[in-house]
Amino acid sequence: MMNDLLTKINILSKNNNDNAVYDLVEEQLKHEANDIKLWLSLAIVIVEVPIVDYEKSIACIKKALDIDKDNVIALLILAYVYEHELGGIDDILLNKIESLHTDSAELNSMLKYVASWSYARHKKNDFLKEEILLKESINLYGGHVWNYKNLARLYLAQGRKSEAYFLIKKALSNIKIVYGKENYEYEPTDINEFINERLKGIHLTDSNVRLIQKMLNFEEA
């Protein structure tokens, strides 16, 4: 059933039948399903343009967390929605993220990166804590992009240009796919692709790549 539903949603999304996608997600929320992947797939498809329904996306993520309250991917996606779409992560979610530890160095790296968002200058304004978390994220797993880019941005603000330059070059070298420049298609419900773009940064749009490249001229982005 799950595969049939996601296949239908993917086809409708590619055909720009967004009202039908919305109706399917709304209908599914009325029912119970013990399938974390299903709920997270629905969460990412409904939070994206052109639907952009944060409330229902969060409702889907919380369905996943009802099944497994410590599911790291669900918590990372929830943090992303709150941070980038709703003004920031609250302290309850932040404490959950900061206290969680897994057997995966890569997942732990993403948890540190996500936690660092709350300490930026427009939030808790704790540069030292932000730097520590970003460095821990990089040390745990050196193959992502956004953690390097954010630490470079922090260093540029502090005038630490040589350190920032190294981080920017490393971030750029970690990019694996640039959308539009390569024949690469993914399904709108693809959780891994959402993570690759939004949390790892290893798959990016050309415009985001250019923003990072611009930092080599020692401009913050």
N, C-alpha and C. Protein backbone atom coordinates (compact mmCIF):
# COMPACT_ATOMS: atom_id res chain seq x y z
N MET A 1 0.82 -1.21 0.00
CA MET A 1 0.00 0.00 0.00
C MET A 1 0.86 1.26 0.00
N MET A 2 1.90 1.25 0.83
CA MET A 2 2.76 2.43 0.92
C MET A 2 3.38 2.75 -0.43
N ASN A 3 3.95 1.73 -1.08
CA ASN A 3 4.60 1.96 -2.37
C ASN A 3 3.62 2.46 -3.42
N ASP A 4 2.40 1.93 -3.39
CA ASP A 4 1.39 2.38 -4.35
C ASP A 4 1.04 3.85 -4.13
N LEU A 5 0.90 4.22 -2.86
CA LEU A 5 0.55 5.61 -2.53
C LEU A 5 1.66 6.56 -2.94
N LEU A 6 2.90 6.21 -2.60
CA LEU A 6 4.02 7.09 -2.93
C LEU A 6 4.24 7.19 -4.44
N THR A 7 4.06 6.07 -5.12
CA THR A 7 4.17 6.09 -6.58
C THR A 7 3.13 7.04 -7.18
N LYS A 8 1.91 6.96 -6.68
CA LYS A 8 0.84 7.83 -7.16
C LYS A 8 1.17 9.30 -6.89
N ILE A 9 1.67 9.59 -5.69
CA ILE A 9 2.02 10.97 -5.33
C ILE A 9 3.15 11.48 -6.21
N ASN A 10 4.15 10.65 -6.46
CA ASN A 10 5.27 11.06 -7.30
C ASN A 10 4.81 11.39 -8.72
N ILE A 11 3.91 10.57 -9.26
CA ILE A 11 3.39 10.82 -10.61
C ILE A 11 2.58 12.11 -10.64
N LEU A 12 1.74 12.30 -9.64
CA LEU A 12 0.93 13.52 -9.57
C LEU A 12 1.80 14.76 -9.43
N SER A 13 2.86 14.67 -8.61
CA SER A 13 3.76 15.81 -8.41
C SER A 13 4.47 16.18 -9.71
N LYS A 14 4.95 15.18 -10.41
CA LYS A 14 5.65 15.44 -11.66
C LYS A 14 4.72 16.02 -12.72
N ASN A 15 3.42 15.73 -12.59
CA ASN A 15 2.44 16.29 -13.52
C ASN A 15 1.82 17.58 -13.00
N ASN A 16 2.43 18.11 -11.92
CA ASN A 16 1.98 19.38 -11.32
C ASN A 16 0.53 19.34 -10.84
N ASN A 17 0.07 18.16 -10.44
CA ASN A 17 -1.28 18.02 -9.92
C ASN A 17 -1.22 18.14 -8.39
N ASP A 18 -0.92 19.34 -7.94
CA ASP A 18 -0.60 19.56 -6.53
C ASP A 18 -1.82 19.46 -5.62
N ASN A 19 -2.98 19.85 -6.11
CA ASN A 19 -4.18 19.73 -5.30
C ASN A 19 -4.48 18.27 -4.96
N ALA A 20 -4.26 17.39 -5.92
CA ALA A 20 -4.48 15.96 -5.68
C ALA A 20 -3.48 15.42 -4.67
N VAL A 21 -2.22 15.88 -4.76
CA VAL A 21 -1.21 15.47 -3.79
C VAL A 21 -1.62 15.91 -2.40
N TYR A 22 -2.04 17.15 -2.29
CA TYR A 22 -2.47 17.69 -0.99
C TYR A 22 -3.62 16.86 -0.42
N ASP A 23 -4.59 16.55 -1.25
CA ASP A 23 -5.76 15.78 -0.80
C ASP A 23 -5.35 14.38 -0.32
N LEU A 24 -4.40 13.76 -1.01
CA LEU A 24 -3.94 12.44 -0.60
C LEU A 24 -3.26 12.47 0.75
N VAL A 25 -2.41 13.48 0.97
CA VAL A 25 -1.74 13.60 2.26
C VAL A 25 -2.76 13.88 3.36
N GLU A 26 -3.66 14.78 3.09
CA GLU A 26 -4.70 15.12 4.08
C GLU A 26 -5.53 13.90 4.44
N GLU A 27 -5.88 13.11 3.45
CA GLU A 27 -6.67 11.89 3.70
C GLU A 27 -5.86 10.88 4.52
N GLN A 28 -4.56 10.74 4.21
CA GLN A 28 -3.73 9.78 4.92
C GLN A 28 -3.59 10.15 6.39
N LEU A 29 -3.59 11.44 6.69
CA LEU A 29 -3.45 11.90 8.07
C LEU A 29 -4.64 11.49 8.94
N LYS A 30 -5.74 11.12 8.32
CA LYS A 30 -6.92 10.67 9.06
C LYS A 30 -6.77 9.22 9.52
N HIS A 31 -5.76 8.55 9.01
CA HIS A 31 -5.60 7.12 9.29
C HIS A 31 -4.28 6.87 10.04
N GLU A 32 -4.19 5.72 10.62
CA GLU A 32 -2.96 5.31 11.29
C GLU A 32 -2.16 4.38 10.38
N ALA A 33 -0.86 4.57 10.39
CA ALA A 33 0.02 3.68 9.62
C ALA A 33 1.32 3.55 10.39
N ASN A 34 1.74 2.33 10.63
CA ASN A 34 2.96 2.08 11.40
C ASN A 34 4.16 2.02 10.46
N ASP A 35 4.37 3.12 9.74
CA ASP A 35 5.41 3.14 8.71
C ASP A 35 6.10 4.50 8.71
N ILE A 36 7.26 4.57 9.31
CA ILE A 36 7.99 5.83 9.44
C ILE A 36 8.34 6.41 8.08
N LYS A 37 8.79 5.56 7.16
CA LYS A 37 9.17 6.05 5.84
C LYS A 37 8.00 6.72 5.13
N LEU A 38 6.83 6.15 5.26
CA LEU A 38 5.63 6.74 4.63
C LEU A 38 5.39 8.14 5.17
N TRP A 39 5.38 8.27 6.49
CA TRP A 39 5.08 9.58 7.08
C TRP A 39 6.13 10.62 6.72
N LEU A 40 7.38 10.25 6.69
CA LEU A 40 8.43 11.21 6.34
C LEU A 40 8.38 11.57 4.86
N SER A 41 8.04 10.61 4.02
CA SER A 41 7.88 10.90 2.59
C SER A 41 6.75 11.89 2.36
N LEU A 42 5.64 11.69 3.08
CA LEU A 42 4.52 12.63 2.97
C LEU A 42 4.91 14.00 3.52
N ALA A 43 5.70 14.01 4.59
CA ALA A 43 6.11 15.28 5.19
C ALA A 43 6.94 16.13 4.23
N ILE A 44 7.86 15.50 3.50
CA ILE A 44 8.73 16.30 2.64
C ILE A 44 8.02 16.74 1.37
N VAL A 45 7.09 15.92 0.87
CA VAL A 45 6.42 16.31 -0.37
C VAL A 45 5.47 17.48 -0.12
N ILE A 46 4.90 17.57 1.08
CA ILE A 46 3.91 18.61 1.33
C ILE A 46 4.54 19.90 1.87
N VAL A 47 5.80 19.81 2.29
CA VAL A 47 6.47 21.04 2.77
C VAL A 47 7.16 21.77 1.64
N GLU A 48 7.34 21.10 0.51
CA GLU A 48 8.06 21.69 -0.61
C GLU A 48 7.15 22.59 -1.45
N VAL A 49 7.77 23.50 -2.20
CA VAL A 49 7.05 24.28 -3.20
C VAL A 49 6.49 23.31 -4.24
N PRO A 50 5.25 23.47 -4.70
CA PRO A 50 4.37 24.63 -4.50
C PRO A 50 3.35 24.48 -3.38
N ILE A 51 3.31 23.32 -2.68
CA ILE A 51 2.26 23.14 -1.66
C ILE A 51 2.58 23.94 -0.40
N VAL A 52 3.72 23.67 0.21
CA VAL A 52 4.23 24.41 1.36
C VAL A 52 3.21 24.51 2.49
N ASP A 53 2.84 23.39 3.04
CA ASP A 53 1.95 23.36 4.21
C ASP A 53 2.76 22.85 5.41
N TYR A 54 3.27 23.79 6.21
CA TYR A 54 4.14 23.43 7.33
C TYR A 54 3.39 22.65 8.39
N GLU A 55 2.16 23.04 8.65
CA GLU A 55 1.37 22.39 9.71
C GLU A 55 1.17 20.91 9.41
N LYS A 56 0.79 20.60 8.19
CA LYS A 56 0.55 19.20 7.84
C LYS A 56 1.87 18.42 7.72
N SER A 57 2.93 19.10 7.28
CA SER A 57 4.23 18.44 7.23
C SER A 57 4.66 18.03 8.64
N ILE A 58 4.52 18.94 9.57
CA ILE A 58 4.88 18.64 10.97
C ILE A 58 3.98 17.54 11.53
N ALA A 59 2.71 17.56 11.15
CA ALA A 59 1.79 16.51 11.61
C ALA A 59 2.26 15.14 11.13
N CYS A 60 2.74 15.07 9.89
CA CYS A 60 3.26 13.80 9.36
C CYS A 60 4.52 13.37 10.11
N ILE A 61 5.42 14.32 10.37
CA ILE A 61 6.66 13.99 11.09
C ILE A 61 6.33 13.49 12.50
N LYS A 62 5.36 14.11 13.14
CA LYS A 62 5.00 13.69 14.49
C LYS A 62 4.36 12.30 14.49
N LYS A 63 3.71 11.93 13.39
CA LYS A 63 3.20 10.56 13.26
C LYS A 63 4.37 9.57 13.27
N ALA A 64 5.46 9.96 12.58
CA ALA A 64 6.66 9.11 12.57
C ALA A 64 7.27 9.02 13.97
N LEU A 65 7.29 10.14 14.67
CA LEU A 65 7.89 10.17 16.00
C LEU A 65 7.00 9.45 17.03
N ASP A 66 5.72 9.34 16.75
CA ASP A 66 4.85 8.54 17.63
C ASP A 66 5.25 7.06 17.56
N ILE A 67 5.77 6.66 16.41
CA ILE A 67 6.22 5.27 16.22
C ILE A 67 7.59 5.07 16.86
N ASP A 68 8.48 6.05 16.67
CA ASP A 68 9.84 5.98 17.23
C ASP A 68 10.26 7.38 17.63
N LYS A 69 10.14 7.69 18.93
CA LYS A 69 10.38 9.05 19.41
C LYS A 69 11.82 9.50 19.23
N ASP A 70 12.75 8.55 19.03
CA ASP A 70 14.16 8.89 18.87
C ASP A 70 14.64 8.71 17.43
N ASN A 71 13.72 8.67 16.49
CA ASN A 71 14.12 8.49 15.10
C ASN A 71 14.89 9.71 14.63
N VAL A 72 16.15 9.52 14.30
CA VAL A 72 17.04 10.64 14.01
C VAL A 72 16.63 11.38 12.75
N ILE A 73 16.29 10.65 11.70
CA ILE A 73 15.92 11.30 10.44
C ILE A 73 14.67 12.15 10.64
N ALA A 74 13.70 11.62 11.37
CA ALA A 74 12.48 12.39 11.64
C ALA A 74 12.79 13.67 12.41
N LEU A 75 13.66 13.57 13.40
CA LEU A 75 14.03 14.75 14.18
C LEU A 75 14.81 15.76 13.35
N LEU A 76 15.66 15.28 12.46
CA LEU A 76 16.42 16.19 11.60
C LEU A 76 15.50 16.94 10.64
N ILE A 77 14.54 16.23 10.06
CA ILE A 77 13.60 16.88 9.14
C ILE A 77 12.70 17.86 9.91
N LEU A 78 12.26 17.47 11.10
CA LEU A 78 11.45 18.36 11.93
C LEU A 78 12.23 19.63 12.26
N ALA A 79 13.50 19.46 12.62
CA ALA A 79 14.34 20.63 12.92
C ALA A 79 14.48 21.53 11.70
N TYR A 80 14.65 20.93 10.54
CA TYR A 80 14.77 21.72 9.31
C TYR A 80 13.51 22.54 9.06
N VAL A 81 12.35 21.92 9.20
CA VAL A 81 11.10 22.64 8.95
C VAL A 81 10.96 23.81 9.92
N TYR A 82 11.21 23.57 11.19
CA TYR A 82 11.10 24.65 12.18
C TYR A 82 12.12 25.75 11.93
N GLU A 83 13.35 25.37 11.63
CA GLU A 83 14.42 26.36 11.48
C GLU A 83 14.25 27.21 10.23
N HIS A 84 13.96 26.58 9.12
CA HIS A 84 13.97 27.29 7.85
C HIS A 84 12.61 27.81 7.43
N GLU A 85 11.56 27.31 8.02
CA GLU A 85 10.23 27.73 7.61
C GLU A 85 9.42 28.40 8.71
N LEU A 86 9.76 28.16 9.97
CA LEU A 86 8.93 28.65 11.07
C LEU A 86 9.70 29.44 12.12
N GLY A 87 10.88 29.93 11.77
CA GLY A 87 11.59 30.85 12.65
C GLY A 87 12.57 30.26 13.63
N GLY A 88 12.62 28.96 13.75
CA GLY A 88 13.65 28.39 14.61
C GLY A 88 13.19 27.21 15.44
N ILE A 89 14.17 26.47 15.94
CA ILE A 89 13.94 25.29 16.78
C ILE A 89 13.70 25.75 18.22
N ASP A 90 12.67 25.21 18.87
CA ASP A 90 12.46 25.58 20.27
C ASP A 90 13.43 24.81 21.16
N ASP A 91 13.51 25.22 22.42
CA ASP A 91 14.51 24.63 23.32
C ASP A 91 14.22 23.16 23.62
N ILE A 92 12.97 22.75 23.57
CA ILE A 92 12.64 21.35 23.83
C ILE A 92 13.24 20.47 22.73
N LEU A 93 13.03 20.87 21.48
CA LEU A 93 13.59 20.10 20.36
C LEU A 93 15.12 20.20 20.36
N LEU A 94 15.65 21.37 20.67
CA LEU A 94 17.11 21.53 20.72
C LEU A 94 17.72 20.60 21.76
N ASN A 95 17.13 20.54 22.94
CA ASN A 95 17.65 19.65 23.99
C ASN A 95 17.59 18.19 23.56
N LYS A 96 16.53 17.82 22.87
CA LYS A 96 16.41 16.46 22.36
C LYS A 96 17.53 16.15 21.38
N ILE A 97 17.78 17.07 20.46
CA ILE A 97 18.82 16.89 19.44
C ILE A 97 20.20 16.83 20.08
N GLU A 98 20.44 17.71 21.06
CA GLU A 98 21.77 17.77 21.69
C GLU A 98 22.05 16.54 22.56
N SER A 99 21.01 15.92 23.07
CA SER A 99 21.22 14.77 23.96
C SER A 99 21.23 13.43 23.21
N LEU A 100 20.85 13.46 21.93
CA LEU A 100 20.75 12.22 21.17
C LEU A 100 22.11 11.81 20.62
N HIS A 101 22.40 10.53 20.69
CA HIS A 101 23.65 9.98 20.15
C HIS A 101 23.35 8.64 19.51
N THR A 102 23.91 8.41 18.32
CA THR A 102 23.67 7.16 17.60
C THR A 102 24.98 6.42 17.37
N ASP A 103 24.89 5.27 16.75
CA ASP A 103 26.09 4.50 16.39
C ASP A 103 26.69 4.97 15.06
N SER A 104 26.03 5.92 14.40
CA SER A 104 26.49 6.41 13.11
C SER A 104 27.19 7.76 13.25
N ALA A 105 28.46 7.82 12.86
CA ALA A 105 29.20 9.08 12.93
C ALA A 105 28.56 10.13 12.02
N GLU A 106 28.03 9.69 10.88
CA GLU A 106 27.44 10.65 9.94
C GLU A 106 26.15 11.25 10.52
N LEU A 107 25.32 10.42 11.13
CA LEU A 107 24.11 10.95 11.76
C LEU A 107 24.45 11.87 12.93
N ASN A 108 25.44 11.48 13.72
CA ASN A 108 25.86 12.33 14.84
C ASN A 108 26.39 13.66 14.33
N SER A 109 27.08 13.64 13.19
CA SER A 109 27.56 14.87 12.57
C SER A 109 26.40 15.79 12.21
N MET A 110 25.34 15.22 11.64
CA MET A 110 24.19 16.03 11.27
C MET A 110 23.47 16.58 12.50
N LEU A 111 23.42 15.81 13.56
CA LEU A 111 22.81 16.29 14.80
C LEU A 111 23.57 17.50 15.35
N LYS A 112 24.89 17.45 15.31
CA LYS A 112 25.70 18.59 15.77
C LYS A 112 25.48 19.81 14.88
N TYR A 113 25.42 19.57 13.57
CA TYR A 113 25.19 20.66 12.63
C TYR A 113 23.85 21.33 12.87
N VAL A 114 22.81 20.53 13.02
CA VAL A 114 21.47 21.06 13.24
C VAL A 114 21.41 21.82 14.57
N ALA A 115 22.06 21.29 15.60
CA ALA A 115 22.08 21.98 16.89
C ALA A 115 22.76 23.34 16.79
N SER A 116 23.75 23.45 15.91
CA SER A 116 24.50 24.71 15.78
C SER A 116 23.62 25.87 15.31
N TRP A 117 22.54 25.56 14.59
CA TRP A 117 21.66 26.62 14.09
C TRP A 117 21.15 27.52 15.21
N SER A 118 20.89 26.93 16.36
CA SER A 118 20.26 27.67 17.46
C SER A 118 21.22 28.65 18.14
N TYR A 119 22.51 28.55 17.83
CA TYR A 119 23.49 29.41 18.51
C TYR A 119 24.04 30.51 17.61
N ALA A 120 23.50 30.63 16.39
CA ALA A 120 23.94 31.67 15.46
C ALA A 120 23.56 33.05 15.99
N ARG A 121 24.09 34.08 15.35
CA ARG A 121 23.95 35.44 15.86
C ARG A 121 22.50 35.92 15.91
N HIS A 122 21.64 35.38 15.02
CA HIS A 122 20.24 35.82 15.01
C HIS A 122 19.38 34.99 15.95
N LYS A 123 20.03 34.07 16.71
CA LYS A 123 19.28 33.24 17.67
C LYS A 123 19.86 33.46 19.07
N LYS A 124 20.61 32.49 19.59
CA LYS A 124 21.16 32.62 20.94
C LYS A 124 22.42 33.50 20.96
N ASN A 125 22.96 33.78 19.78
CA ASN A 125 24.12 34.68 19.66
C ASN A 125 25.32 34.18 20.48
N ASP A 126 25.55 32.89 20.43
CA ASP A 126 26.66 32.27 21.15
C ASP A 126 27.65 31.72 20.12
N PHE A 127 28.57 32.59 19.67
CA PHE A 127 29.49 32.21 18.60
C PHE A 127 30.38 31.05 18.99
N LEU A 128 30.83 31.02 20.24
CA LEU A 128 31.73 29.96 20.69
C LEU A 128 31.03 28.60 20.63
N LYS A 129 29.80 28.54 21.11
CA LYS A 129 29.04 27.28 21.07
C LYS A 129 28.77 26.85 19.64
N GLU A 130 28.42 27.82 18.79
CA GLU A 130 28.18 27.51 17.38
C GLU A 130 29.44 26.94 16.74
N GLU A 131 30.58 27.56 17.01
CA GLU A 131 31.84 27.07 16.45
C GLU A 131 32.16 25.67 16.94
N ILE A 132 31.99 25.42 18.22
CA ILE A 132 32.28 24.10 18.78
C ILE A 132 31.43 23.03 18.11
N LEU A 133 30.14 23.30 17.96
CA LEU A 133 29.24 22.31 17.36
C LEU A 133 29.57 22.06 15.89
N LEU A 134 29.89 23.11 15.16
CA LEU A 134 30.24 22.95 13.74
C LEU A 134 31.55 22.18 13.59
N LYS A 135 32.53 22.46 14.44
CA LYS A 135 33.79 21.73 14.37
C LYS A 135 33.60 20.27 14.75
N GLU A 136 32.74 20.02 15.73
CA GLU A 136 32.44 18.63 16.11
C GLU A 136 31.75 17.91 14.95
N SER A 137 30.83 18.62 14.30
CA SER A 137 30.14 18.05 13.14
C SER A 137 31.13 17.64 12.06
N ILE A 138 32.06 18.52 11.75
CA ILE A 138 33.06 18.25 10.71
C ILE A 138 34.00 17.12 11.13
N ASN A 139 34.41 17.12 12.39
CA ASN A 139 35.33 16.08 12.86
C ASN A 139 34.67 14.70 12.87
N LEU A 140 33.36 14.68 13.11
CA LEU A 140 32.65 13.40 13.11
C LEU A 140 32.51 12.84 11.71
N TYR A 141 32.28 13.74 10.74
CA TYR A 141 32.11 13.27 9.36
C TYR A 141 32.49 14.42 8.42
N GLY A 142 33.51 14.19 7.62
CA GLY A 142 34.07 15.27 6.80
C GLY A 142 33.56 15.34 5.37
N GLY A 143 32.44 14.66 5.07
CA GLY A 143 31.99 14.58 3.69
C GLY A 143 30.79 15.43 3.34
N HIS A 144 30.38 16.32 4.23
CA HIS A 144 29.22 17.16 3.95
C HIS A 144 29.64 18.56 3.50
N VAL A 145 28.66 19.42 3.29
CA VAL A 145 28.93 20.76 2.74
C VAL A 145 28.48 21.88 3.68
N TRP A 146 27.24 21.80 4.15
CA TRP A 146 26.69 22.94 4.89
C TRP A 146 27.42 23.22 6.20
N ASN A 147 27.93 22.18 6.87
CA ASN A 147 28.65 22.45 8.12
C ASN A 147 29.94 23.23 7.84
N TYR A 148 30.66 22.88 6.75
CA TYR A 148 31.86 23.64 6.38
C TYR A 148 31.49 25.07 5.99
N LYS A 149 30.42 25.21 5.21
CA LYS A 149 30.01 26.54 4.75
C LYS A 149 29.63 27.43 5.94
N ASN A 150 28.89 26.89 6.91
CA ASN A 150 28.47 27.70 8.05
C ASN A 150 29.63 28.08 8.95
N LEU A 151 30.59 27.17 9.11
CA LEU A 151 31.77 27.52 9.91
C LEU A 151 32.60 28.58 9.18
N ALA A 152 32.69 28.48 7.87
CA ALA A 152 33.38 29.51 7.09
C ALA A 152 32.71 30.87 7.24
N ARG A 153 31.37 30.88 7.20
CA ARG A 153 30.63 32.12 7.39
C ARG A 153 30.94 32.73 8.76
N LEU A 154 30.99 31.89 9.77
CA LEU A 154 31.30 32.36 11.13
C LEU A 154 32.71 32.95 11.18
N TYR A 155 33.66 32.28 10.54
CA TYR A 155 35.04 32.77 10.55
C TYR A 155 35.19 34.06 9.75
N LEU A 156 34.47 34.19 8.66
CA LEU A 156 34.53 35.43 7.89
C LEU A 156 34.04 36.61 8.72
N ALA A 157 32.99 36.37 9.50
CA ALA A 157 32.46 37.43 10.36
C ALA A 157 33.47 37.84 11.43
N GLN A 158 34.39 36.92 11.74
CA GLN A 158 35.42 37.19 12.75
C GLN A 158 36.74 37.64 12.12
N GLY A 159 36.76 37.76 10.80
CA GLY A 159 37.98 38.17 10.10
C GLY A 159 39.02 37.08 9.95
N ARG A 160 38.62 35.83 10.14
CA ARG A 160 39.56 34.70 10.05
C ARG A 160 39.53 34.15 8.62
N LYS A 161 40.06 34.93 7.69
CA LYS A 161 39.88 34.66 6.27
C LYS A 161 40.61 33.42 5.77
N SER A 162 41.81 33.19 6.25
CA SER A 162 42.57 32.03 5.77
C SER A 162 41.90 30.72 6.19
N GLU A 163 41.38 30.69 7.41
CA GLU A 163 40.67 29.49 7.88
C GLU A 163 39.38 29.30 7.09
N ALA A 164 38.69 30.41 6.83
CA ALA A 164 37.44 30.35 6.08
C ALA A 164 37.70 29.85 4.66
N TYR A 165 38.78 30.29 4.05
CA TYR A 165 39.09 29.90 2.67
C TYR A 165 39.25 28.39 2.57
N PHE A 166 39.96 27.78 3.50
CA PHE A 166 40.14 26.33 3.50
C PHE A 166 38.80 25.62 3.62
N LEU A 167 37.94 26.11 4.49
CA LEU A 167 36.64 25.48 4.71
C LEU A 167 35.75 25.57 3.47
N ILE A 168 35.79 26.72 2.79
CA ILE A 168 34.98 26.90 1.59
C ILE A 168 35.44 25.95 0.49
N LYS A 169 36.75 25.85 0.31
CA LYS A 169 37.29 24.94 -0.71
C LYS A 169 36.88 23.50 -0.41
N LYS A 170 36.90 23.13 0.86
CA LYS A 170 36.51 21.78 1.24
C LYS A 170 35.02 21.55 0.99
N ALA A 171 34.21 22.55 1.31
CA ALA A 171 32.77 22.44 1.07
C ALA A 171 32.50 22.21 -0.41
N LEU A 172 33.15 22.98 -1.26
CA LEU A 172 32.93 22.86 -2.70
C LEU A 172 33.39 21.50 -3.22
N SER A 173 34.47 20.97 -2.66
CA SER A 173 34.98 19.68 -3.12
C SER A 173 34.06 18.52 -2.71
N ASN A 174 33.21 18.75 -1.70
CA ASN A 174 32.31 17.69 -1.22
C ASN A 174 31.00 17.61 -2.00
N ILE A 175 30.73 18.59 -2.86
CA ILE A 175 29.49 18.58 -3.64
C ILE A 175 29.56 17.46 -4.68
N LYS A 176 28.56 16.61 -4.70
CA LYS A 176 28.55 15.45 -5.60
C LYS A 176 27.69 15.68 -6.84
N ILE A 177 26.57 16.36 -6.68
CA ILE A 177 25.64 16.57 -7.80
C ILE A 177 25.15 18.01 -7.79
N VAL A 178 25.16 18.63 -8.96
CA VAL A 178 24.59 19.96 -9.13
C VAL A 178 23.36 19.81 -10.02
N TYR A 179 22.20 20.10 -9.46
CA TYR A 179 20.96 19.94 -10.22
C TYR A 179 20.98 20.82 -11.47
N GLY A 180 20.51 20.27 -12.56
CA GLY A 180 20.43 21.04 -13.80
C GLY A 180 21.65 20.87 -14.67
N LYS A 181 22.79 20.55 -14.06
CA LYS A 181 24.02 20.35 -14.83
C LYS A 181 24.23 18.88 -15.17
N GLU A 182 23.46 18.02 -14.53
CA GLU A 182 23.61 16.60 -14.75
C GLU A 182 22.24 15.97 -14.96
N ASN A 183 22.18 14.89 -15.68
CA ASN A 183 20.92 14.18 -15.89
C ASN A 183 20.59 13.39 -14.62
N TYR A 184 19.95 14.09 -13.71
CA TYR A 184 19.66 13.48 -12.42
C TYR A 184 18.22 13.80 -12.03
N GLU A 185 17.44 12.76 -11.85
CA GLU A 185 16.05 12.93 -11.43
C GLU A 185 15.81 12.15 -10.15
N TYR A 186 15.00 12.71 -9.29
CA TYR A 186 14.64 11.99 -8.08
C TYR A 186 13.15 12.18 -7.81
N GLU A 187 12.61 11.28 -7.04
CA GLU A 187 11.19 11.35 -6.73
C GLU A 187 10.94 12.42 -5.66
N PRO A 188 9.84 13.16 -5.78
CA PRO A 188 9.52 14.19 -4.78
C PRO A 188 9.40 13.66 -3.36
N THR A 189 9.12 12.36 -3.21
CA THR A 189 8.98 11.76 -1.87
C THR A 189 10.27 11.10 -1.38
N ASP A 190 11.38 11.35 -2.06
CA ASP A 190 12.66 10.71 -1.74
C ASP A 190 13.28 11.36 -0.50
N ILE A 191 13.23 10.66 0.62
CA ILE A 191 13.75 11.20 1.89
C ILE A 191 15.25 11.42 1.80
N ASN A 192 15.98 10.47 1.24
CA ASN A 192 17.43 10.59 1.15
C ASN A 192 17.84 11.83 0.35
N GLU A 193 17.09 12.11 -0.71
CA GLU A 193 17.43 13.27 -1.51
C GLU A 193 17.18 14.57 -0.76
N PHE A 194 16.11 14.61 0.01
CA PHE A 194 15.83 15.78 0.86
C PHE A 194 16.99 16.01 1.82
N ILE A 195 17.46 14.94 2.44
CA ILE A 195 18.58 15.03 3.38
C ILE A 195 19.86 15.46 2.65
N ASN A 196 20.09 14.88 1.47
CA ASN A 196 21.31 15.19 0.71
C ASN A 196 21.39 16.67 0.36
N GLU A 197 20.24 17.25 0.03
CA GLU A 197 20.24 18.67 -0.34
C GLU A 197 20.16 19.58 0.87
N ARG A 198 19.23 19.34 1.75
CA ARG A 198 18.92 20.31 2.80
C ARG A 198 19.82 20.21 4.02
N LEU A 199 20.30 19.01 4.34
CA LEU A 199 21.07 18.83 5.58
C LEU A 199 22.54 18.50 5.34
N LYS A 200 22.83 17.77 4.28
CA LYS A 200 24.22 17.47 3.96
C LYS A 200 24.81 18.51 3.01
N GLY A 201 24.04 18.90 2.00
CA GLY A 201 24.52 19.85 1.01
C GLY A 201 25.34 19.22 -0.10
N ILE A 202 25.33 17.89 -0.18
CA ILE A 202 26.15 17.23 -1.21
C ILE A 202 25.48 17.24 -2.58
N HIS A 203 24.17 17.50 -2.61
CA HIS A 203 23.43 17.70 -3.86
C HIS A 203 22.83 19.10 -3.78
N LEU A 204 23.17 19.95 -4.74
CA LEU A 204 22.76 21.35 -4.64
C LEU A 204 22.31 21.92 -5.98
N THR A 205 21.53 22.99 -5.90
CA THR A 205 21.21 23.75 -7.10
C THR A 205 22.42 24.56 -7.51
N ASP A 206 22.46 24.94 -8.77
CA ASP A 206 23.56 25.74 -9.28
C ASP A 206 23.64 27.08 -8.54
N SER A 207 22.50 27.65 -8.19
CA SER A 207 22.50 28.94 -7.49
C SER A 207 23.13 28.83 -6.11
N ASN A 208 22.88 27.72 -5.41
CA ASN A 208 23.50 27.53 -4.10
C ASN A 208 25.01 27.30 -4.22
N VAL A 209 25.42 26.60 -5.26
CA VAL A 209 26.86 26.42 -5.49
C VAL A 209 27.52 27.77 -5.72
N ARG A 210 26.88 28.62 -6.50
CA ARG A 210 27.46 29.94 -6.77
C ARG A 210 27.56 30.80 -5.51
N LEU A 211 26.59 30.65 -4.61
CA LEU A 211 26.64 31.40 -3.36
C LEU A 211 27.85 30.98 -2.52
N ILE A 212 28.13 29.69 -2.51
CA ILE A 212 29.31 29.22 -1.77
C ILE A 212 30.59 29.68 -2.46
N GLN A 213 30.62 29.61 -3.78
CA GLN A 213 31.79 30.07 -4.53
C GLN A 213 32.05 31.55 -4.28
N LYS A 214 30.98 32.32 -4.14
CA LYS A 214 31.11 33.76 -3.89
C LYS A 214 31.87 34.05 -2.61
N MET A 215 31.78 33.11 -1.67
CA MET A 215 32.47 33.30 -0.40
C MET A 215 33.98 33.28 -0.55
N LEU A 216 34.47 32.73 -1.65
CA LEU A 216 35.92 32.72 -1.88
C LEU A 216 36.46 34.13 -2.07
N ASN A 217 35.56 35.07 -2.39
CA ASN A 217 35.93 36.49 -2.46
C ASN A 217 35.78 37.17 -1.10
N PHE A 218 35.63 36.30 -0.08
CA PHE A 218 35.51 36.73 1.31
C PHE A 218 34.28 37.59 1.54
N GLU A 219 33.16 37.08 1.00
CA GLU A 219 31.87 37.66 1.26
C GLU A 219 31.04 36.61 1.97
N GLU A 220 30.32 37.04 3.00
CA GLU A 220 29.47 36.09 3.73
C GLU A 220 28.27 35.71 2.87
N ALA A 221 27.82 34.46 3.04
CA ALA A 221 26.61 34.00 2.32
C ALA A 221 25.75 33.19 3.26
